[in-house]
Protein backbone atom coordinates (compact mmCIF):
# COMPACT_ATOMS: atom_id res chain seq x y z
CA MET A 1 56.72 76.28 12.47
CA ARG A 2 55.66 79.95 12.26
CA ALA A 3 57.32 79.75 8.83
CA ALA A 4 55.57 77.18 7.69
CA LEU A 5 52.10 78.48 9.19
CA LEU A 6 52.37 81.70 6.99
CA LEU A 7 52.69 79.87 4.11
CA LEU A 8 48.72 79.06 4.29
CA ALA A 9 47.53 82.43 4.67
CA ALA A 10 44.12 82.63 2.85
CA ALA A 11 41.19 79.29 2.83
CA LEU A 12 41.90 76.88 -0.06
CA PRO A 13 38.93 76.61 -2.26
CA LEU A 14 35.70 74.34 -1.35
CA ALA A 15 34.18 71.93 -3.63
CA GLY A 16 30.81 71.24 -4.66
CA GLN A 17 29.41 74.74 -3.03
CA GLU A 18 26.25 75.59 -3.61
CA GLU A 19 25.31 79.14 -5.26
CA PRO A 20 24.92 81.98 -2.48
CA THR A 21 21.23 82.06 -1.76
CA PRO A 22 20.32 85.99 -1.71
CA GLU A 23 21.03 86.02 2.45
CA ARG A 24 24.77 84.74 1.95
CA ALA A 25 25.56 86.42 -0.90
CA PRO A 26 26.07 89.53 0.96
CA ILE A 27 27.97 88.04 3.49
CA GLU A 28 30.41 86.00 1.32
CA ALA A 29 30.67 89.17 -0.23
CA LEU A 30 31.89 91.17 3.01
CA ILE A 31 34.21 88.26 3.16
CA ARG A 32 35.51 88.42 0.32
CA GLN A 33 36.27 92.11 1.33
CA GLY A 34 38.30 90.79 4.32
CA ARG A 35 34.88 92.87 6.78
CA TYR A 36 35.06 89.57 8.84
CA ASP A 37 33.30 90.74 12.16
CA GLN A 38 30.48 92.35 9.61
CA ALA A 39 30.22 88.89 8.10
CA LEU A 40 30.13 87.08 11.66
CA GLY A 41 27.56 89.60 13.04
CA ARG A 42 25.32 88.65 10.02
CA LEU A 43 25.89 85.25 9.90
CA SER A 44 25.01 85.16 14.33
CA ALA A 45 21.92 86.61 13.37
CA LEU A 46 20.93 83.86 11.18
CA LEU A 47 22.20 80.78 12.36
CA ARG A 48 19.73 81.69 15.38
CA GLU A 49 16.98 81.52 13.41
CA GLN A 50 18.49 78.54 10.99
CA PRO A 51 21.01 76.47 13.44
CA ALA A 52 20.67 72.92 11.38
CA ASP A 53 21.69 74.90 7.96
CA PRO A 54 25.57 73.42 7.25
CA ALA A 55 26.19 76.24 4.32
CA LEU A 56 25.86 78.97 6.80
CA ARG A 57 27.79 76.57 9.26
CA LEU A 58 30.50 76.23 6.76
CA LEU A 59 30.27 79.72 5.92
CA ALA A 60 31.12 80.96 9.78
CA ALA A 61 33.88 78.22 10.22
CA ARG A 62 35.60 79.58 6.86
CA CYS A 63 35.01 83.27 8.10
CA LEU A 64 36.79 82.33 11.01
CA TYR A 65 39.35 80.56 9.70
CA LEU A 66 40.35 83.55 7.60
CA ARG A 67 40.09 86.34 10.10
CA GLY A 68 42.64 83.92 12.04
CA ALA A 69 44.95 83.50 9.28
CA ALA A 70 44.26 87.38 8.62
CA LYS A 71 44.91 88.19 11.94
CA LEU A 72 48.24 85.54 11.64
CA LYS A 73 49.74 87.48 8.69
CA GLU A 74 49.87 90.69 9.88
CA ARG A 75 51.22 89.54 13.42
CA GLY A 76 53.79 87.26 12.09
CA ARG A 77 52.84 84.49 14.96
CA LEU A 78 50.50 82.72 16.79
CA THR A 79 48.76 84.64 19.05
CA ALA A 80 45.97 84.04 21.39
CA ALA A 81 43.53 85.41 19.51
CA VAL A 82 44.59 83.91 16.61
CA VAL A 83 44.01 80.68 18.29
CA GLU A 84 40.54 81.62 19.43
CA ASP A 85 39.38 81.92 15.79
CA MET A 86 40.94 78.73 15.01
CA ARG A 87 38.75 77.01 17.85
CA MET A 88 35.93 78.43 16.85
CA SER A 89 36.21 77.93 13.43
CA LEU A 90 36.31 73.58 14.84
CA GLU A 91 34.16 73.89 16.68
CA GLN A 92 31.69 75.54 13.71
CA SER A 93 32.66 72.29 11.66
CA ALA A 94 32.51 70.07 14.08
CA ARG A 95 28.54 70.85 14.02
CA ILE A 96 28.36 69.85 10.46
CA LEU A 97 30.52 66.81 10.67
CA GLU A 98 28.34 65.50 13.23
CA ARG A 99 25.27 64.96 11.31
CA HIS A 100 27.13 64.88 7.68
CA PRO A 101 30.96 63.01 8.63
CA GLU A 102 31.63 62.97 4.86
CA ASN A 103 31.75 66.63 4.19
CA ARG A 104 34.55 67.58 2.53
CA ASP A 105 34.17 71.28 3.12
CA ALA A 106 34.10 70.62 6.67
CA ARG A 107 36.47 68.65 7.02
CA LEU A 108 38.88 70.68 4.49
CA VAL A 109 38.20 73.97 6.90
CA THR A 110 38.92 71.54 10.34
CA ALA A 111 42.08 70.77 8.42
CA GLN A 112 43.15 74.11 7.81
CA ALA A 113 42.24 75.98 11.19
CA HIS A 114 44.42 72.90 12.80
CA TYR A 115 47.06 73.30 10.72
CA LEU A 116 47.03 76.98 11.26
CA ALA A 117 46.76 76.56 15.12
CA GLY A 118 49.89 74.73 14.88
CA ARG A 119 48.51 71.32 15.03
CA PRO A 120 49.94 69.69 11.59
CA ASP A 121 49.51 66.44 12.64
CA GLU A 122 45.65 66.62 13.60
CA ALA A 123 45.47 68.40 10.24
CA GLU A 124 47.49 65.38 8.15
CA LYS A 125 44.69 63.17 9.57
CA GLU A 126 42.00 65.14 8.29
CA VAL A 127 43.48 66.23 5.06
CA ARG A 128 44.01 61.72 4.50
CA ARG A 129 40.42 61.22 5.17
CA ILE A 130 39.37 63.45 2.35
CA LEU A 131 41.63 61.82 0.09
CA GLU A 132 40.60 57.94 1.27
CA SER A 133 37.63 59.30 -0.49
CA ARG A 134 39.03 61.34 -3.02
CA PRO A 135 42.18 60.91 -4.15
CA ASP A 136 42.05 63.74 -6.62
CA ASP A 137 40.98 66.34 -4.67
CA GLY A 138 43.48 69.19 -5.70
CA GLY A 139 43.01 71.32 -2.35
CA ALA A 140 43.33 68.42 0.47
CA HIS A 141 46.74 67.90 -1.89
CA PHE A 142 47.78 71.31 -1.53
CA LEU A 143 47.35 71.48 2.26
CA LEU A 144 49.26 68.16 2.47
CA ALA A 145 51.79 69.13 0.92
CA THR A 146 52.09 72.29 2.45
CA ILE A 147 52.65 69.93 5.74
CA LEU A 148 55.14 67.73 4.77
CA PHE A 149 57.09 70.76 2.90
CA GLY A 150 56.73 72.38 6.30
CA ARG A 151 58.12 69.32 8.14
CA SER A 152 61.00 69.68 5.82
CA GLY A 153 62.11 72.75 7.31
CA GLU A 154 61.78 70.82 10.96
CA ALA A 155 64.47 68.17 9.84
CA VAL A 156 67.16 70.42 8.37
CA ARG A 157 67.13 72.62 11.52
CA LYS A 158 67.59 69.19 12.85
CA ALA A 159 70.20 68.13 10.43
CA LYS A 160 68.74 64.39 8.99
CA VAL A 161 68.89 66.10 5.62
CA ASN A 162 67.80 62.65 4.21
CA GLU A 163 65.15 63.39 5.71
CA ALA A 164 64.10 66.40 4.65
CA ALA A 165 65.59 65.54 0.81
CA ARG A 166 62.32 63.03 0.64
CA LEU A 167 60.27 65.02 2.43
CA ARG A 168 60.19 67.88 0.00
CA GLN A 169 60.23 65.20 -3.12
CA VAL A 170 56.95 63.93 -1.29
CA ALA A 171 55.35 67.36 -0.67
CA ALA A 172 56.63 68.27 -4.80
CA GLU A 173 54.63 65.09 -5.39
CA HIS A 174 51.54 65.86 -3.98
CA TYR A 175 51.91 69.64 -5.15
CA ARG A 176 52.00 68.56 -8.78
CA ARG A 177 49.38 66.40 -7.80
CA ALA A 178 46.85 69.35 -6.80
CA LEU A 179 48.22 71.51 -9.73
CA ASP A 180 46.60 68.49 -12.46
CA GLY A 181 43.56 69.36 -9.92
CA GLY A 182 43.78 73.33 -11.28
CA THR A 183 43.88 74.51 -7.48
CA LYS A 184 45.93 77.45 -6.05
CA ARG A 185 47.72 77.21 -9.51
CA ALA A 186 50.04 80.30 -8.74
CA GLU A 187 51.05 79.52 -5.26
CA THR A 188 51.06 75.79 -6.24
CA CYS A 189 53.57 76.95 -9.00
CA ARG A 190 55.30 79.19 -6.71
CA ARG A 191 55.50 76.11 -3.75
CA LEU A 192 57.30 74.13 -6.68
CA GLY A 193 60.03 76.66 -7.09
CA ASP A 194 60.27 76.53 -3.57
CA ILE A 195 61.28 73.54 -3.79
CA ALA A 196 63.43 73.60 -6.50
CA ALA A 197 65.54 76.37 -5.14
CA THR A 198 65.78 74.62 -1.74
CA ASP A 199 67.37 71.51 -3.97
CA GLY A 200 69.89 73.93 -5.27
CA ASP A 201 67.93 73.68 -9.14
CA LEU A 202 67.97 77.31 -9.91
CA GLU A 203 66.98 77.00 -13.30
CA GLU A 204 63.87 74.84 -12.50
CA ALA A 205 63.00 77.29 -9.61
CA LEU A 206 62.98 80.27 -12.23
CA GLU A 207 60.91 78.59 -14.59
CA LEU A 208 58.26 78.02 -12.11
CA TYR A 209 58.31 81.21 -10.90
CA ARG A 210 57.66 82.18 -14.02
CA ARG A 211 54.74 80.52 -14.49
CA ALA A 212 53.88 81.94 -11.04
CA LEU A 213 54.33 85.14 -11.26
CA SER A 214 52.56 84.77 -14.55
CA ARG A 215 49.47 84.45 -12.85
CA ASP A 216 49.98 86.19 -9.86
CA ALA A 217 52.57 88.98 -9.31
CA ALA A 218 53.16 88.16 -5.37
CA GLN A 219 53.61 84.10 -6.02
CA ALA A 220 57.97 84.73 -5.49
CA PRO A 221 60.50 85.18 -2.73
CA HIS A 222 61.41 88.51 -4.82
CA ARG A 223 63.73 89.12 -1.93
CA TRP A 224 65.62 85.97 -2.17
CA LEU A 225 65.68 86.01 -5.84
CA LEU A 226 67.69 89.23 -6.24
CA GLN A 227 70.12 88.54 -3.88
CA ASN A 228 70.71 85.18 -5.55
CA CYS A 229 70.15 85.46 -8.98
CA ARG A 230 72.10 87.82 -11.82
CA PRO A 231 69.77 90.44 -13.70
CA ASP A 232 70.81 88.17 -16.90
CA GLN A 233 68.79 84.95 -14.91
CA ALA A 234 65.81 86.70 -13.31
CA ILE A 235 65.14 89.49 -15.49
CA PRO A 236 64.08 87.79 -18.82
CA VAL A 237 61.08 85.81 -15.90
CA TYR A 238 60.20 89.26 -15.20
CA ARG A 239 59.64 90.80 -18.20
CA LYS A 240 57.42 87.55 -19.48
CA SER A 241 55.83 87.81 -16.26
CA ALA A 242 54.86 91.65 -16.46
CA GLU A 243 54.00 90.83 -19.94
CA ALA A 244 50.97 87.94 -19.13
CA ARG A 245 49.91 90.34 -16.23
CA LEU A 246 49.43 93.34 -18.51
CA ALA A 247 47.86 91.20 -20.55
CA ALA A 248 45.08 90.07 -17.75
CA GLY A 249 44.32 93.68 -17.20
CA ASP A 250 46.49 93.32 -13.97
CA ARG A 251 48.42 96.77 -14.37
CA PRO A 252 49.29 96.93 -10.87
CA GLY A 253 50.84 93.15 -10.99
CA ALA A 254 53.11 94.14 -13.97
CA ALA A 255 53.72 97.26 -12.51
CA PHE A 256 55.33 95.50 -8.98
CA LEU A 257 57.28 93.29 -11.99
CA TRP A 258 58.52 96.00 -13.41
CA MET A 259 59.83 97.53 -10.24
CA TYR A 260 62.25 94.36 -9.18
CA ILE A 261 63.43 94.35 -13.45
CA GLY A 262 64.60 98.28 -12.23
CA PHE A 263 66.10 96.52 -9.21
CA TYR A 264 68.19 93.75 -11.30
CA ARG A 265 69.32 96.52 -13.52
CA GLU A 266 70.36 98.94 -10.78
CA LYS A 267 71.87 95.83 -9.68
CA ALA A 268 74.45 95.59 -12.80
CA ARG A 269 74.60 99.43 -12.74
CA GLN A 270 72.96 99.76 -15.56
CA TRP A 271 71.30 103.14 -14.66
CA ARG A 272 69.77 104.05 -17.55
CA GLU A 273 67.81 100.35 -18.20
CA ALA A 274 67.14 100.88 -14.19
CA ARG A 275 65.54 104.58 -14.53
CA GLN A 276 63.40 103.17 -18.02
CA ALA A 277 62.23 99.98 -15.57
CA ALA A 278 61.18 102.78 -12.45
CA LEU A 279 59.58 105.19 -15.10
CA ARG A 280 57.33 102.20 -17.09
CA ALA A 281 56.57 100.83 -13.32
CA LEU A 282 54.99 104.48 -12.30
CA GLU A 283 53.65 104.96 -15.45
CA LEU A 284 51.58 101.53 -14.52
CA ASP A 285 50.79 102.29 -11.37
CA PRO A 286 51.49 105.60 -10.04
CA GLU A 287 49.68 105.10 -6.59
CA GLY A 288 51.56 101.54 -5.89
CA CYS A 289 54.69 101.83 -7.25
CA TRP A 290 55.62 105.47 -6.34
CA VAL A 291 58.57 104.47 -4.72
CA CYS A 292 59.99 104.19 -8.29
CA ARG A 293 59.87 107.64 -8.59
CA TYR A 294 62.94 108.33 -6.16
CA ARG A 295 64.49 105.29 -8.17
CA ALA A 296 64.33 107.13 -11.19
CA GLY A 297 66.18 110.04 -9.13
CA TRP A 298 68.39 107.41 -7.89
CA CYS A 299 69.28 106.87 -11.31
CA SER A 300 69.39 110.12 -12.91
CA TRP A 301 71.90 111.18 -10.02
CA TRP A 302 74.37 107.63 -11.44
CA LEU A 303 73.91 109.25 -14.92
CA GLU A 304 74.96 113.13 -13.75
CA GLU A 305 71.64 114.35 -14.81
CA ARG A 306 70.77 115.93 -11.41
CA GLU A 307 68.41 118.15 -12.44
CA LYS A 308 65.79 115.08 -13.20
CA ALA A 309 66.91 113.53 -9.92
CA LYS A 310 66.40 116.98 -8.40
CA LYS A 311 63.14 116.77 -10.08
CA ALA A 312 62.07 113.27 -8.54
CA PHE A 313 63.23 114.05 -5.02
CA LEU A 314 61.43 117.45 -5.09
CA THR A 315 57.94 115.97 -6.10
CA LEU A 316 58.04 113.43 -3.76
CA MET A 317 58.52 116.20 -0.87
CA GLU A 318 55.56 117.77 -2.32
CA GLU A 319 53.43 114.91 -2.84
CA ARG A 320 54.42 112.20 -0.33
CA ARG A 321 56.74 114.01 2.10
CA ARG A 322 56.40 111.58 4.81
CA LYS A 323 56.40 108.62 3.10
CA PHE A 324 59.10 109.85 1.30
CA CYS A 325 61.51 110.59 4.25
CA ASP A 326 60.44 106.67 6.19
CA TYR A 327 61.19 105.04 3.62
CA LEU A 328 64.98 106.65 3.13
CA ARG A 329 65.38 106.29 6.62
CA ALA A 330 64.12 102.67 6.17
CA ILE A 331 67.08 101.64 3.48
CA GLY A 332 69.73 102.15 5.67
CA PRO A 333 73.40 103.45 3.61
CA GLU A 334 71.27 104.14 0.59
CA GLY A 335 69.74 106.42 2.89
CA ARG A 336 72.63 108.32 3.82
CA THR A 337 73.75 108.33 0.61
CA ALA A 338 70.49 109.79 -0.96
CA ALA A 339 70.80 112.62 1.88
CA ALA A 340 74.14 113.94 0.77
CA MET A 341 73.13 113.64 -2.41
CA MET A 342 69.96 116.70 -1.31
CA HIS A 343 73.08 117.88 0.60
CA ALA A 344 75.13 119.11 -2.67
CA LEU A 345 71.64 119.41 -4.48
CA ALA A 346 70.49 122.03 -1.85
CA ALA A 347 73.78 123.53 -2.21
CA GLU A 348 73.93 124.37 -5.92
CA ALA A 349 69.97 125.69 -5.78
CA VAL A 350 71.56 127.59 -2.90
CA LYS A 351 74.25 129.45 -5.40
CA ALA A 352 71.62 129.47 -8.02
CA GLY A 353 69.20 131.88 -5.77
CA ARG A 354 66.63 128.80 -5.63
CA ARG A 355 66.10 128.91 -1.76
CA GLY A 356 62.51 127.03 -2.12
CA GLU A 357 63.84 124.23 -3.53
CA ALA A 358 67.46 124.70 -1.16
CA ARG A 359 65.08 124.66 1.75
CA ASP A 360 62.88 121.13 0.85
CA LEU A 361 66.37 119.39 0.14
CA SER A 362 67.55 120.47 2.92
CA LEU A 363 64.56 119.68 4.97
CA LEU A 364 65.03 115.26 3.80
CA ARG A 365 68.54 115.97 5.04
CA ALA A 366 67.52 116.90 8.10
CA ILE A 367 64.72 114.01 8.69
CA ILE A 368 67.40 111.20 7.58
CA ARG A 369 70.84 112.23 9.02
CA GLY A 370 69.10 114.35 11.78
CA ARG A 371 72.13 116.07 12.94
CA GLY A 372 71.90 119.97 14.60
CA GLU A 373 73.34 121.52 11.83
CA ASP A 374 70.99 119.75 9.34
CA TRP A 375 67.86 120.79 11.43
CA ASN A 376 69.97 124.28 11.57
CA ASN A 377 70.44 124.91 8.11
CA TYR A 378 66.88 124.06 7.11
CA ALA A 379 65.30 126.79 9.98
CA PHE A 380 67.28 129.04 8.19
CA LEU A 381 66.04 128.45 4.83
CA CYS A 382 62.29 128.14 6.06
CA ARG A 383 63.37 132.19 7.34
CA GLU A 384 64.72 133.27 4.08
CA THR A 385 61.78 132.07 2.62
CA GLY A 386 58.96 133.60 4.87
CA ARG A 387 58.33 129.84 6.23
CA TYR A 388 58.68 131.19 10.04
CA GLU A 389 56.32 128.83 11.39
CA GLU A 390 58.61 125.68 9.81
CA ALA A 391 61.79 127.39 10.93
CA TRP A 392 60.54 127.48 14.73
CA VAL A 393 60.21 123.86 14.50
CA GLY A 394 63.72 123.42 12.99
CA TYR A 395 65.01 125.66 15.67
CA ARG A 396 63.54 123.62 18.05
CA ARG A 397 64.76 120.20 16.23
CA ALA A 398 68.68 121.62 16.42
CA LEU A 399 68.28 122.72 19.86
CA GLU A 400 67.23 119.11 20.67
CA LYS A 401 70.57 117.79 19.44
CA GLU A 402 72.41 120.57 20.59
CA PRO A 403 70.76 122.40 23.41
CA GLY A 404 73.83 123.76 24.44
CA ASN A 405 74.52 125.64 21.32
CA PRO A 406 74.34 129.50 21.44
CA ARG A 407 73.69 130.21 17.82
CA TYR A 408 70.57 128.10 17.62
CA LEU A 409 69.16 129.30 20.90
CA ASN A 410 69.16 132.71 19.39
CA ASP A 411 67.91 132.36 15.85
CA GLY A 412 64.85 130.19 17.14
CA ALA A 413 64.45 132.72 20.16
CA LEU A 414 64.79 135.66 16.72
CA ILE A 415 61.72 133.56 15.34
CA LEU A 416 59.61 134.23 17.75
CA HIS A 417 60.71 137.79 18.56
CA TYR A 418 60.52 139.46 14.93
CA HIS A 419 58.31 137.17 13.16
CA LEU A 420 56.03 135.00 14.80
CA LYS A 421 55.79 138.33 17.86
CA ARG A 422 54.40 135.55 20.24
CA ARG A 423 56.14 133.75 23.59
CA LEU A 424 57.92 136.37 23.92
CA ASP A 425 59.25 135.48 27.34
CA HIS A 426 60.57 132.44 26.15
CA ALA A 427 62.22 134.28 23.55
CA ARG A 428 64.20 136.14 26.53
CA LYS A 429 64.98 132.96 28.12
CA LEU A 430 66.32 131.40 25.14
CA TYR A 431 68.36 134.85 24.23
CA GLU A 432 69.60 135.08 27.74
CA GLN A 433 70.95 130.82 27.22
CA ALA A 434 72.55 131.97 24.22
CA VAL A 435 74.80 134.58 26.56
CA LYS A 436 74.94 132.04 29.43
CA GLU A 437 76.73 129.08 26.29
CA ALA A 438 78.62 131.86 24.00
CA ARG A 439 80.20 133.36 27.67
CA ARG A 440 81.00 129.37 28.79
CA ILE A 441 82.99 128.85 25.38
CA LEU A 442 84.68 131.79 25.18
CA ALA A 443 86.27 131.05 28.56
CA ASP A 444 86.93 127.03 27.82
CA PRO A 445 90.50 127.23 26.73
CA GLU A 446 89.84 123.94 24.96
CA ALA A 447 87.35 125.38 22.66
CA ASP A 448 89.03 125.58 19.19
CA PRO A 449 89.17 128.72 17.40
CA GLY A 450 86.36 127.99 14.91
CA THR A 451 83.70 127.17 17.67
CA LYS A 452 84.62 130.10 19.70
CA ALA A 453 84.26 132.68 16.57
CA GLU A 454 80.71 130.95 16.12
CA ALA A 455 80.13 131.86 19.80
CA ARG A 456 81.18 135.27 19.86
CA SER A 457 79.20 136.23 16.67
CA ALA A 458 76.00 134.33 18.58
CA LEU A 459 77.07 136.35 21.91
CA ARG A 460 76.70 139.60 19.95
CA ASP A 461 73.96 138.96 18.21
CA ALA A 462 71.80 138.27 21.43
CA GLN A 463 73.00 140.80 23.15
CA GLY A 464 71.18 142.92 20.86
CA ASN A 465 68.30 140.69 20.89
CA LEU A 466 67.69 141.22 24.24
CA ARG A 467 67.98 145.18 24.52
CA ALA A 468 65.58 145.30 21.30
CA LEU A 469 63.14 142.91 22.85
CA GLY A 470 63.08 145.00 25.94
CA ARG A 471 62.68 148.37 24.03
CA ARG A 472 59.77 146.65 22.36
CA ARG A 473 58.19 145.67 26.02
CA SER A 474 58.62 149.41 27.59
CA ARG A 475 57.06 150.64 24.72
């Protein structure tokens, strides 16, 4: 039921609405902007003065419904706050219907509120009442189709295959009636596409998705299509839809579709074409499709054009460090592969003497992979490039991962001691701990020779730094 409820995340168009009056126009503007609380505040004041005005009541009912729908979309589940908004919306609609029982718009909002509150039977009763007097009402047909399509999913879960198929067929008939009435064309085509896809008719589904995407770039199950369609099947759909959105002046929508064209090209390992698609998306919407700069860099790597890959990654580190790192962490195995790319590029930068580049690339690896050695490498490069505050942060992170590492303890203390020149008592404690941990490792018969060599070096450095710190304090 939750998935079905999310199908109706916005209000259906209302029929026969009056032109907004000067007092209602700013409230409707607030509703369009999603500023529901402010709109309701103004509506409450007006309703105290004009309690019998059905247009104001209807506006309040719609606003409450939309606020609840927005909460449902955000949380992904039916919370108490959503249910309360639906209850108040129903209360407003009921006051209109008491005096005007044939008010179509109030009845449709009533149906919507029942449906979003998880009461499809009550919603269906209200919709069918509308269709008795308005058999061609597109909005009512759309909501009825959505109710029936949701029931088909429930039938599938109960293994009632024939019943599910019948419900999908009836739902499709009502969606087509909604389409004939000009209601929510993009969403209606998308729903018809979903039904065709469920029935196994991918060719029909893709044509319907094309019609939907040509009007609204969000109206298709993009991830499902990427998993289930061959590039040669999907790319023509996305290309034609992107052209339509661009012709309509919707650059962000066209960019979003070009981004998916890039994904399909990557799926086919057509790296050059994938990079071109990513760069086209970035050109159309540099803010909304910023991630396409990374995708272009990813493709450049596989094209063995490392300078272009490095430039893309470093640009993102400079302009969108937090978002970029969050994205790489979120994409799982690919993010770890990207971290290995960063490591290789950082090593090349160190050899070429470009330590600033190496530092920023090392930070990416440290954030994505998060090992002590990664944070230590980053901290060392910060120290080498004069970024002492960042070096201290890096050493602290390294010590969080490996608190007993004598090299990290000594080098972290060194930053406080020689460069930041603060918290010298803490630096002393770190040096002393480095000495203690190094001696423990050297006394451990099971420690490998490489670990002992590193401990011996850290012990020598920490003891020398302790003596220098003592001389500094004695002056």
